[in-house]
Amino acid sequence: MTDTHVPARFKGFKGPAGGWSTVVQAPNEWRASTAQSCGLWPFSVGAGTPMIGVPMGQQLFTGSTLCCDPINWFMRAHLISNPSAFVLGKPGLGKSTVIRRWAVGYAHQGVITMFLGDVKGEHVPIIKALGGQVITLGPGIGSINVLDPGGALHALPSLTGKLREELHNAIHTRRRNMLRALITISRGTSPTQREGTIMDRALRVLDDRFATRSPLMSDLLDIIREAPQEVRAVALDRGDDARYRDITENLESLLIDLSGSGDMGDMFSNHTSVQIDPTRPVVFDIHAINEVDQNLRAAALMACWDAGFAAVDANHYLARQGVAPLRHYFLVLDELWSALRYGSGMVDRVDQVTRLNRTFGVGQALITHTMSDLESLAEPQDRMKAKGFVERSGMVLCGGLPEGELPLLNQAISVSRVEMDILKSWSDPGAWDERSDVESDPPGRGKFLVKVGGRPGIPFHLKLTGQELDPNDTNQLWHAPRRTNGQEAEHGIE
């Protein structure tokens, strides 16, 4: 056969061991530092993926290494405008595992990770492996006092002057906002303007009476019942005792619920069972709260979030006073959807919890399943504010999403058609092999797209190291049960 008779689709090389072939294998590729490869030619071409931050895995199309996390991309690489991340994707594809990888990387860098509300107990092993603190909460198990958020009251004696006043005002605002959130969850509607004013003034009276110890919810209830003149003045009872009782009746009933005599149980009626240690990684384990009791779970999440941010506030005020070292924190707010759906105004409560006294160097991650979690809110203004959580995040990590979610995502961040196709393909279930009777892993497990503003996304695959396998051994993620011949068997991930 001569060259003129060789079809164009055949390629190859002449000579010994040569021949024509329909496919020519790609050559092997290696990566090396400039010190190792300085004598090679041609010069290597940059991979185009950032190498600053926690190592996350390989870029799916180029095989290059991707390093990324919200704190390092904000503080060192200056790629994002604020140290925050929003993570969304279908359940079981690895959202929480991405966060745990960041926690491991941050531990090496001296950044303290706080998992503020673990509804499944899945973050407990990684915190234990890092030598952190596990705080277990639940009815009859552990309580959290929202009137002493994060133990911040204990920092006041170490502060003086303006710093003491600033922290005191921050604690007061957090108390007020958390009471509003708990009432919204319990009643399904936000407190009225009058109720809010009464609570604010009652908290001021509480401060004056409990300067040396942490007050309890029952102490606040006693003040409402006692009807001091400061509270009656804002209740506008016109000096009529009966009118005052009518005005405060609903508020008193709600505080009774929060004082251990209602559906909320003893979760918020006692002193905090275990205070946060601000020097160690921490997880609030609330998996003991029954999934059916969604009100209590949402209230516990809000209380844990508030406690974490308050503890960070206290540490930074102590650092400014010069009595404690300044520490950097990474705060994780999981199951965002669980708290947002409980009544109008919950978006404002979450926004207030996460925004208040935000300090430079504090990273934050919000986690939910889909954009529909945010779009399902009843009030249009709440939906717009919730979408703002995504828009304001420094980076967005997207896992597999159904096709119907993609237009909603594109309203918050710019997503190209190619990127939509990628995300949609990752949402497919694992294939079933009838011959071997084995169900494969879902194609999107461990795969994410990093989006920053309008820039093209970076798709990568997160692979766990051997040391990470045990702490990440959960049924929902990397070690889900695999069905083989009608039975379940554990399997790992490559």
Protein backbone atom coordinates (compact mmCIF):
# COMPACT_ATOMS: atom_id res chain seq x y z
CA MET A 1 0.00 0.00 0.00
CA THR A 2 1.37 3.38 -1.00
CA ASP A 3 0.88 6.66 0.77
CA THR A 4 -1.54 7.85 -1.90
CA HIS A 5 -3.89 4.96 -1.09
CA VAL A 6 -3.95 5.49 2.68
CA PRO A 7 -7.27 6.94 3.84
CA ALA A 8 -6.95 10.24 5.64
CA ARG A 9 -8.52 8.81 8.76
CA PHE A 10 -5.54 6.44 9.27
CA LYS A 11 -2.49 7.85 10.99
CA GLY A 12 0.82 6.47 12.16
CA PHE A 13 4.55 6.29 11.52
CA LYS A 14 6.66 4.42 8.98
CA GLY A 15 9.74 2.45 9.86
CA PRO A 16 10.62 -0.33 12.31
CA ALA A 17 7.83 -1.01 14.81
CA GLY A 18 5.76 1.55 12.91
CA GLY A 19 2.57 1.21 10.96
CA TRP A 20 -0.76 2.76 10.31
CA SER A 21 -3.34 3.10 13.03
CA THR A 22 -6.75 4.67 13.42
CA VAL A 23 -5.75 6.08 16.84
CA VAL A 24 -2.46 7.54 18.02
CA GLN A 25 -2.15 7.43 21.79
CA ALA A 26 -1.47 10.73 23.54
CA PRO A 27 2.02 10.95 25.04
CA ASN A 28 2.51 10.71 28.78
CA GLU A 29 2.57 13.99 30.68
CA TRP A 30 4.41 14.94 33.87
CA ARG A 31 4.41 18.00 36.09
CA ALA A 32 7.57 19.36 37.68
CA SER A 33 8.88 22.49 39.32
CA THR A 34 11.02 24.96 37.37
CA ALA A 35 14.05 23.81 39.36
CA GLN A 36 13.53 20.22 38.18
CA SER A 37 12.61 20.95 34.56
CA CYS A 38 14.83 23.96 33.84
CA GLY A 39 16.93 22.03 31.30
CA LEU A 40 13.98 20.77 29.26
CA TRP A 41 12.67 22.28 26.04
CA PRO A 42 10.09 23.45 25.14
CA PHE A 43 9.16 25.47 28.22
CA SER A 44 6.02 24.29 29.99
CA VAL A 45 2.80 26.26 29.65
CA GLY A 46 0.96 27.51 32.74
CA ALA A 47 -2.01 25.38 33.77
CA GLY A 48 -4.30 28.35 34.40
CA THR A 49 -5.63 27.19 37.79
CA PRO A 50 -4.74 28.97 41.04
CA MET A 51 -2.17 27.31 43.29
CA ILE A 52 -2.91 29.37 46.40
CA GLY A 53 -5.04 27.79 49.10
CA VAL A 54 -6.10 24.33 50.22
CA PRO A 55 -5.38 21.59 47.61
CA MET A 56 -8.75 20.42 46.31
CA GLY A 57 -8.04 18.06 43.43
CA GLN A 58 -7.50 17.97 39.70
CA GLN A 59 -9.05 20.18 37.07
CA LEU A 60 -11.25 17.80 35.11
CA PHE A 61 -10.16 18.86 31.62
CA THR A 62 -6.46 19.66 32.03
CA GLY A 63 -5.51 17.46 34.97
CA SER A 64 -3.81 20.40 36.66
CA THR A 65 -3.94 20.81 40.41
CA LEU A 66 -6.50 23.22 41.85
CA CYS A 67 -6.01 24.95 45.19
CA CYS A 68 -8.87 27.04 46.49
CA ASP A 69 -10.67 28.15 49.64
CA PRO A 70 -12.45 31.37 50.57
CA ILE A 71 -9.95 32.70 53.13
CA ASN A 72 -6.76 32.24 51.09
CA TRP A 73 -8.38 33.46 47.88
CA PHE A 74 -9.43 36.58 49.77
CA MET A 75 -6.41 37.30 51.95
CA ARG A 76 -3.49 36.01 49.84
CA ALA A 77 -4.57 35.61 46.23
CA HIS A 78 -6.99 38.59 46.19
CA LEU A 79 -9.26 36.71 43.79
CA ILE A 80 -12.50 37.36 45.69
CA SER A 81 -13.90 40.40 47.47
CA ASN A 82 -14.89 38.71 50.75
CA PRO A 83 -13.88 35.46 52.48
CA SER A 84 -17.13 33.55 52.00
CA ALA A 85 -18.39 30.60 49.99
CA PHE A 86 -21.82 29.28 49.05
CA VAL A 87 -21.95 25.53 48.39
CA LEU A 88 -24.94 23.88 46.74
CA GLY A 89 -25.67 20.59 45.03
CA LYS A 90 -27.86 17.51 45.25
CA PRO A 91 -27.57 15.39 48.41
CA GLY A 92 -24.93 12.70 48.46
CA LEU A 93 -22.47 14.31 46.03
CA GLY A 94 -19.97 15.61 48.56
CA LYS A 95 -20.85 19.16 49.63
CA SER A 96 -19.94 18.53 53.25
CA THR A 97 -16.77 16.69 52.27
CA VAL A 98 -15.52 19.80 50.47
CA ILE A 99 -15.98 21.76 53.70
CA ARG A 100 -14.17 19.10 55.72
CA ARG A 101 -11.23 19.28 53.31
CA TRP A 102 -11.08 23.01 53.96
CA ALA A 103 -11.18 22.34 57.72
CA VAL A 104 -8.14 20.04 57.44
CA GLY A 105 -6.24 22.59 55.38
CA TYR A 106 -7.13 25.41 57.73
CA ALA A 107 -5.97 23.41 60.76
CA HIS A 108 -2.49 23.34 59.19
CA GLN A 109 -2.64 27.11 58.64
CA GLY A 110 -3.82 27.94 62.16
CA VAL A 111 -7.38 28.86 61.14
CA ILE A 112 -10.02 27.49 63.54
CA THR A 113 -13.06 25.85 61.94
CA MET A 114 -16.47 25.92 63.64
CA PHE A 115 -19.28 23.68 62.36
CA LEU A 116 -22.22 25.62 63.77
CA GLY A 117 -24.96 23.00 63.77
CA ASP A 118 -24.40 19.41 62.57
CA VAL A 119 -27.81 17.83 62.06
CA LYS A 120 -26.41 14.42 61.03
CA GLY A 121 -23.32 14.14 63.21
CA GLU A 122 -21.23 13.79 60.06
CA HIS A 123 -18.67 16.47 61.01
CA VAL A 124 -17.95 15.02 64.46
CA PRO A 125 -15.22 12.54 63.30
CA ILE A 126 -13.16 15.20 61.52
CA ILE A 127 -13.30 17.54 64.54
CA LYS A 128 -12.23 14.69 66.82
CA ALA A 129 -9.38 13.86 64.43
CA LEU A 130 -8.26 17.49 64.59
CA GLY A 131 -8.33 17.46 68.39
CA GLY A 132 -11.33 19.77 68.50
CA GLN A 133 -14.35 20.19 70.73
CA VAL A 134 -17.66 18.36 70.26
CA ILE A 135 -20.65 20.11 71.89
CA THR A 136 -23.73 17.87 71.93
CA LEU A 137 -27.12 19.55 72.15
CA GLY A 138 -30.62 18.17 72.38
CA PRO A 139 -33.59 17.71 74.71
CA GLY A 140 -32.29 16.27 77.96
CA ILE A 141 -28.75 16.12 76.52
CA GLY A 142 -27.39 19.65 76.34
CA SER A 143 -28.70 23.20 76.35
CA ILE A 144 -27.66 26.55 74.93
CA ASN A 145 -28.45 29.88 76.57
CA VAL A 146 -29.23 32.45 73.88
CA LEU A 147 -29.08 35.21 76.50
CA ASP A 148 -25.34 34.51 76.85
CA PRO A 149 -24.39 33.97 73.18
CA GLY A 150 -21.13 32.10 72.81
CA GLY A 151 -20.15 32.88 76.39
CA ALA A 152 -19.40 36.45 75.30
CA LEU A 153 -20.55 37.84 78.65
CA HIS A 154 -17.46 36.31 80.28
CA ALA A 155 -15.26 38.54 78.11
CA LEU A 156 -16.74 41.80 79.44
CA PRO A 157 -14.72 41.95 82.72
CA SER A 158 -11.49 41.84 80.67
CA LEU A 159 -12.50 44.87 78.59
CA THR A 160 -12.54 48.54 79.46
CA GLY A 161 -13.86 51.77 78.03
CA LYS A 162 -15.18 51.90 74.48
CA LEU A 163 -14.36 48.25 73.69
CA ARG A 164 -16.42 47.05 76.64
CA GLU A 165 -19.33 49.22 75.56
CA GLU A 166 -19.11 47.99 71.95
CA LEU A 167 -19.14 44.32 72.93
CA HIS A 168 -21.95 44.91 75.41
CA ASN A 169 -24.06 46.53 72.69
CA ALA A 170 -23.24 43.67 70.30
CA ILE A 171 -24.39 41.11 72.89
CA HIS A 172 -27.61 43.05 73.44
CA THR A 173 -28.32 43.15 69.70
CA ARG A 174 -27.64 39.43 69.33
CA ARG A 175 -29.97 38.62 72.23
CA ARG A 176 -32.74 40.71 70.71
CA ASN A 177 -32.34 39.21 67.24
CA MET A 178 -32.23 35.64 68.57
CA LEU A 179 -35.40 36.18 70.59
CA ARG A 180 -37.07 37.48 67.44
CA ALA A 181 -35.87 34.41 65.53
CA LEU A 182 -37.07 31.96 68.19
CA ILE A 183 -40.48 33.64 68.33
CA THR A 184 -40.73 33.56 64.53
CA ILE A 185 -39.96 29.83 64.48
CA SER A 186 -42.31 29.02 67.37
CA ARG A 187 -45.24 31.14 66.19
CA GLY A 188 -44.68 31.14 62.42
CA THR A 189 -44.83 34.94 62.21
CA SER A 190 -42.43 37.69 63.21
CA PRO A 191 -42.94 39.62 66.46
CA THR A 192 -44.96 42.80 66.15
CA GLN A 193 -43.26 46.15 66.43
CA ARG A 194 -44.63 46.59 69.96
CA GLU A 195 -43.46 43.14 71.04
CA GLY A 196 -40.01 43.89 69.67
CA THR A 197 -39.83 47.15 71.60
CA ILE A 198 -40.98 45.48 74.82
CA MET A 199 -38.36 42.74 74.46
CA ASP A 200 -35.64 45.30 73.78
CA ARG A 201 -36.48 47.30 76.91
CA ALA A 202 -36.85 44.14 79.04
CA LEU A 203 -33.38 43.04 77.95
CA ARG A 204 -32.00 46.42 79.06
CA VAL A 205 -33.55 45.88 82.50
CA LEU A 206 -32.08 42.36 82.49
CA ASP A 207 -28.59 43.80 81.92
CA ASP A 208 -28.90 46.07 84.91
CA ARG A 209 -29.98 43.25 87.21
CA PHE A 210 -27.59 40.53 86.03
CA ALA A 211 -24.25 42.26 85.74
CA THR A 212 -22.33 39.46 87.45
CA ARG A 213 -23.92 36.29 86.02
CA SER A 214 -25.65 35.03 82.90
CA PRO A 215 -29.44 35.48 82.95
CA LEU A 216 -31.84 32.75 81.89
CA MET A 217 -35.03 32.83 79.86
CA SER A 218 -37.02 32.49 83.09
CA ASP A 219 -35.39 35.70 84.35
CA LEU A 220 -36.61 37.55 81.27
CA LEU A 221 -40.08 36.08 81.77
CA ASP A 222 -40.08 37.33 85.38
CA ILE A 223 -39.30 40.85 84.22
CA ILE A 224 -42.18 40.81 81.73
CA ARG A 225 -44.51 39.60 84.48
CA GLU A 226 -43.15 42.07 87.03
CA ALA A 227 -43.94 44.96 84.68
CA PRO A 228 -41.23 47.49 85.70
CA GLN A 229 -41.89 51.08 84.74
CA GLU A 230 -39.28 51.04 81.94
CA VAL A 231 -41.14 48.20 80.19
CA ARG A 232 -44.62 49.61 80.84
CA ALA A 233 -43.56 52.92 79.28
CA VAL A 234 -42.88 51.30 75.88
CA ALA A 235 -45.87 48.93 76.18
CA LEU A 236 -48.14 52.01 76.23
CA ASP A 237 -50.43 50.51 78.85
CA ARG A 238 -51.60 54.01 79.92
CA GLY A 239 -51.11 53.02 83.56
CA ASP A 240 -53.70 50.26 83.32
CA ASP A 241 -52.53 46.91 84.74
CA ALA A 242 -55.20 44.96 82.87
CA ARG A 243 -54.22 46.63 79.61
CA TYR A 244 -50.55 45.72 80.24
CA ARG A 245 -51.48 42.07 80.78
CA ASP A 246 -53.44 42.02 77.55
CA ILE A 247 -50.58 43.62 75.60
CA THR A 248 -47.93 41.19 76.92
CA GLU A 249 -50.04 38.03 77.07
CA ASN A 250 -48.84 36.53 73.77
CA LEU A 251 -45.23 37.47 74.52
CA GLU A 252 -45.47 35.92 77.96
CA SER A 253 -46.88 32.72 76.47
CA LEU A 254 -43.96 32.47 74.03
CA LEU A 255 -41.40 33.02 76.78
CA ILE A 256 -43.06 30.27 78.83
CA ASP A 257 -42.48 27.96 75.86
CA LEU A 258 -38.80 28.97 75.75
CA SER A 259 -38.43 28.60 79.51
CA GLY A 260 -38.83 24.83 79.45
CA SER A 261 -42.59 24.42 79.66
CA GLY A 262 -43.46 24.15 75.96
CA ASP A 263 -42.54 22.46 72.70
CA MET A 264 -38.99 23.82 72.80
CA GLY A 265 -38.31 21.72 75.90
CA ASP A 266 -35.26 22.55 77.99
CA MET A 267 -32.98 23.43 75.07
CA PHE A 268 -33.03 27.19 75.78
CA SER A 269 -34.12 27.34 79.44
CA ASN A 270 -30.85 26.45 81.20
CA HIS A 271 -27.30 27.72 81.27
CA THR A 272 -25.17 26.62 78.31
CA SER A 273 -24.03 23.08 79.11
CA VAL A 274 -20.62 23.42 77.40
CA GLN A 275 -19.15 26.78 76.42
CA ILE A 276 -17.17 27.18 73.20
CA ASP A 277 -13.40 26.91 73.51
CA PRO A 278 -12.27 29.63 71.05
CA THR A 279 -8.79 28.08 70.72
CA ARG A 280 -9.90 24.78 69.14
CA PRO A 281 -12.01 23.57 66.21
CA VAL A 282 -15.58 22.93 67.34
CA VAL A 283 -18.76 21.26 66.15
CA PHE A 284 -22.26 21.66 67.58
CA ASP A 285 -23.71 18.17 67.26
CA ILE A 286 -27.51 18.42 67.16
CA HIS A 287 -28.28 15.13 65.43
CA ALA A 288 -30.09 13.96 68.58
CA ILE A 289 -32.93 16.37 67.74
CA ASN A 290 -35.54 14.29 65.96
CA GLU A 291 -35.90 15.10 62.27
CA VAL A 292 -39.66 15.29 62.73
CA ASP A 293 -39.25 18.19 65.19
CA GLN A 294 -38.30 20.70 62.52
CA ASN A 295 -39.14 23.74 64.67
CA LEU A 296 -36.73 22.73 67.40
CA ARG A 297 -34.04 21.83 64.86
CA ALA A 298 -34.34 25.20 63.11
CA ALA A 299 -34.22 27.02 66.46
CA ALA A 300 -31.14 25.03 67.51
CA LEU A 301 -29.40 25.87 64.23
CA MET A 302 -30.05 29.57 64.69
CA ALA A 303 -28.80 29.44 68.29
CA CYS A 304 -25.62 27.60 67.27
CA TRP A 305 -24.93 30.07 64.47
CA ASP A 306 -25.39 32.99 66.83
CA ALA A 307 -23.18 31.42 69.51
CA GLY A 308 -20.35 30.86 67.04
CA PHE A 309 -20.36 34.41 65.69
CA ALA A 310 -20.64 35.82 69.23
CA ALA A 311 -17.62 33.79 70.39
CA VAL A 312 -15.63 35.15 67.44
CA ASP A 313 -16.72 38.70 68.28
CA ALA A 314 -15.58 38.26 71.88
CA ASN A 315 -12.17 36.94 70.82
CA HIS A 316 -11.57 39.87 68.52
CA TYR A 317 -12.53 42.43 71.16
CA LEU A 318 -10.15 40.73 73.62
CA ALA A 319 -7.43 40.84 70.96
CA ARG A 320 -8.02 44.55 70.43
CA GLN A 321 -7.71 45.04 74.19
CA GLY A 322 -4.41 43.15 74.08
CA VAL A 323 -5.42 40.40 76.51
CA ALA A 324 -5.75 37.57 73.95
CA PRO A 325 -4.12 36.67 70.61
CA LEU A 326 -6.05 37.46 67.44
CA ARG A 327 -7.31 34.24 65.86
CA HIS A 328 -8.77 33.58 62.44
CA TYR A 329 -11.94 31.50 62.14
CA PHE A 330 -13.86 29.64 59.46
CA LEU A 331 -17.58 29.36 60.31
CA VAL A 332 -19.74 26.76 58.57
CA LEU A 333 -23.53 27.17 58.42
CA ASP A 334 -24.98 23.91 57.10
CA GLU A 335 -28.60 23.05 56.23
CA LEU A 336 -29.43 26.69 55.44
CA TRP A 337 -32.81 25.72 54.01
CA SER A 338 -33.89 24.26 57.37
CA ALA A 339 -33.81 27.66 59.07
CA LEU A 340 -35.03 29.87 56.22
CA ARG A 341 -38.42 28.27 55.69
CA TYR A 342 -39.86 29.02 59.14
CA GLY A 343 -41.94 32.11 58.67
CA SER A 344 -41.54 35.52 57.13
CA GLY A 345 -38.54 37.43 58.37
CA MET A 346 -36.25 34.44 58.94
CA VAL A 347 -34.03 35.62 56.09
CA ASP A 348 -33.49 38.87 57.99
CA ARG A 349 -32.69 36.92 61.15
CA VAL A 350 -30.07 34.81 59.36
CA ASP A 351 -28.62 37.89 57.71
CA GLN A 352 -28.35 39.65 61.08
CA VAL A 353 -26.72 36.65 62.73
CA THR A 354 -24.06 36.32 60.04
CA ARG A 355 -23.38 40.01 59.37
CA LEU A 356 -23.17 41.45 62.86
CA ASN A 357 -19.66 42.59 63.84
CA ARG A 358 -18.03 40.74 60.97
CA THR A 359 -14.26 41.10 61.33
CA PHE A 360 -11.51 40.91 58.75
CA GLY A 361 -10.11 37.41 58.39
CA VAL A 362 -13.27 35.51 59.39
CA GLY A 363 -14.34 33.11 56.66
CA GLN A 364 -17.84 31.75 56.21
CA ALA A 365 -19.53 28.97 54.25
CA LEU A 366 -23.27 28.56 53.67
CA ILE A 367 -24.52 25.15 52.50
CA THR A 368 -27.85 24.15 51.00
CA HIS A 369 -29.16 21.72 48.40
CA THR A 370 -30.58 23.77 45.54
CA MET A 371 -31.63 27.25 44.54
CA SER A 372 -35.23 26.09 44.97
CA ASP A 373 -34.58 26.05 48.72
CA LEU A 374 -34.24 29.83 48.47
CA GLU A 375 -36.99 30.33 45.89
CA SER A 376 -39.54 28.37 47.96
CA LEU A 377 -39.85 31.14 50.55
CA ALA A 378 -43.36 32.56 50.77
CA GLU A 379 -42.60 36.28 50.60
CA PRO A 380 -41.03 37.84 47.45
CA GLN A 381 -38.79 40.11 49.52
CA ASP A 382 -37.46 37.08 51.43
CA ARG A 383 -36.68 35.31 48.17
CA MET A 384 -34.72 38.29 46.90
CA LYS A 385 -32.76 38.59 50.15
CA ALA A 386 -32.02 34.85 50.20
CA LYS A 387 -30.74 35.00 46.63
CA GLY A 388 -28.45 37.76 47.86
CA PHE A 389 -26.65 35.19 50.03
CA VAL A 390 -25.42 33.62 46.79
CA GLU A 391 -24.72 36.89 45.01
CA ARG A 392 -22.65 38.28 47.89
CA SER A 393 -20.55 35.15 48.38
CA GLY A 394 -16.95 35.45 47.31
CA MET A 395 -17.05 32.06 45.59
CA VAL A 396 -19.80 29.61 44.71
CA LEU A 397 -19.17 25.84 44.52
CA CYS A 398 -21.79 24.01 42.48
CA GLY A 399 -22.24 20.26 42.51
CA GLY A 400 -24.69 18.30 40.39
CA LEU A 401 -28.01 20.10 39.90
CA PRO A 402 -31.22 19.13 38.08
CA GLU A 403 -31.96 20.93 34.82
CA GLY A 404 -34.80 22.92 36.37
CA GLU A 405 -32.40 24.47 38.90
CA LEU A 406 -30.02 25.91 36.33
CA PRO A 407 -32.10 28.95 35.26
CA LEU A 408 -32.53 29.86 38.93
CA LEU A 409 -28.79 29.58 39.48
CA ASN A 410 -28.12 31.73 36.43
CA GLN A 411 -30.21 34.51 37.98
CA ALA A 412 -27.74 34.73 40.89
CA ILE A 413 -24.43 34.05 39.14
CA SER A 414 -23.42 33.94 35.49
CA VAL A 415 -23.41 30.34 34.23
CA SER A 416 -22.67 29.50 30.59
CA ARG A 417 -24.52 26.87 28.58
CA VAL A 418 -21.48 24.56 28.69
CA GLU A 419 -21.31 24.89 32.47
CA MET A 420 -25.03 24.16 32.76
CA ASP A 421 -24.56 20.97 30.74
CA ILE A 422 -21.74 19.91 33.05
CA LEU A 423 -23.78 20.50 36.21
CA LYS A 424 -26.78 18.70 34.73
CA SER A 425 -24.66 15.66 33.79
CA TRP A 426 -23.34 15.44 37.35
CA SER A 427 -26.88 15.14 38.72
CA ASP A 428 -27.51 11.78 37.00
CA PRO A 429 -27.77 8.68 39.23
CA GLY A 430 -25.24 5.87 39.12
CA ALA A 431 -25.58 3.32 36.32
CA TRP A 432 -26.81 -0.20 36.99
CA ASP A 433 -24.84 -3.11 35.54
CA GLU A 434 -27.27 -5.99 35.11
CA ARG A 435 -24.51 -8.50 34.39
CA SER A 436 -22.59 -7.88 37.61
CA ASP A 437 -25.65 -6.65 39.53
CA VAL A 438 -23.66 -3.66 40.81
CA GLU A 439 -24.67 -0.02 41.04
CA SER A 440 -21.84 2.38 40.21
CA ASP A 441 -21.14 5.68 41.94
CA PRO A 442 -23.08 8.70 40.68
CA PRO A 443 -21.05 10.49 37.97
CA GLY A 444 -21.14 13.74 39.95
CA ARG A 445 -19.82 12.42 43.25
CA GLY A 446 -16.90 14.59 44.34
CA LYS A 447 -17.15 16.88 41.29
CA PHE A 448 -17.70 20.62 41.65
CA LEU A 449 -17.57 23.80 39.62
CA VAL A 450 -15.90 26.82 41.25
CA LYS A 451 -17.50 30.09 40.17
CA VAL A 452 -16.15 33.54 41.00
CA GLY A 453 -18.23 36.40 39.62
CA GLY A 454 -18.57 36.25 35.85
CA ARG A 455 -15.34 34.32 35.31
CA PRO A 456 -15.42 30.89 33.66
CA GLY A 457 -15.91 28.14 36.19
CA ILE A 458 -13.20 25.67 37.17
CA PRO A 459 -14.45 22.05 37.25
CA PHE A 460 -12.51 19.75 39.56
CA HIS A 461 -12.70 16.34 41.18
CA LEU A 462 -12.03 16.06 44.89
CA LYS A 463 -10.25 12.83 45.87
CA LEU A 464 -9.77 11.88 49.49
CA THR A 465 -6.40 10.92 50.92
CA GLY A 466 -5.98 7.78 53.01
CA GLN A 467 -6.00 9.78 56.23
CA GLU A 468 -9.33 11.38 55.29
CA LEU A 469 -11.22 8.18 54.54
CA ASP A 470 -12.24 7.29 58.08
CA PRO A 471 -13.39 10.78 59.19
CA ASN A 472 -15.38 11.08 55.95
CA ASP A 473 -16.92 7.61 56.17
CA THR A 474 -20.62 8.50 55.87
CA ASN A 475 -23.46 6.72 54.11
CA GLN A 476 -24.40 9.84 52.19
CA LEU A 477 -21.02 10.64 50.70
CA TRP A 478 -17.85 8.74 49.91
CA HIS A 479 -18.73 5.41 51.48
CA ALA A 480 -22.38 4.99 50.53
CA PRO A 481 -23.73 1.43 50.61
CA ARG A 482 -23.38 -0.32 47.26
CA ARG A 483 -25.88 -2.96 46.33
CA THR A 484 -24.34 -6.23 45.19
CA ASN A 485 -26.52 -9.27 44.49
CA GLY A 486 -29.33 -7.79 46.54
CA GLN A 487 -27.11 -7.01 49.54
CA GLU A 488 -25.32 -3.90 50.73
CA ALA A 489 -21.53 -3.69 50.85
CA GLU A 490 -19.28 -0.81 51.81
CA HIS A 491 -17.04 0.68 49.17
CA GLY A 492 -14.53 3.48 49.01
CA ILE A 493 -13.73 6.10 46.46
CA GLU A 494 -10.70 6.11 44.25
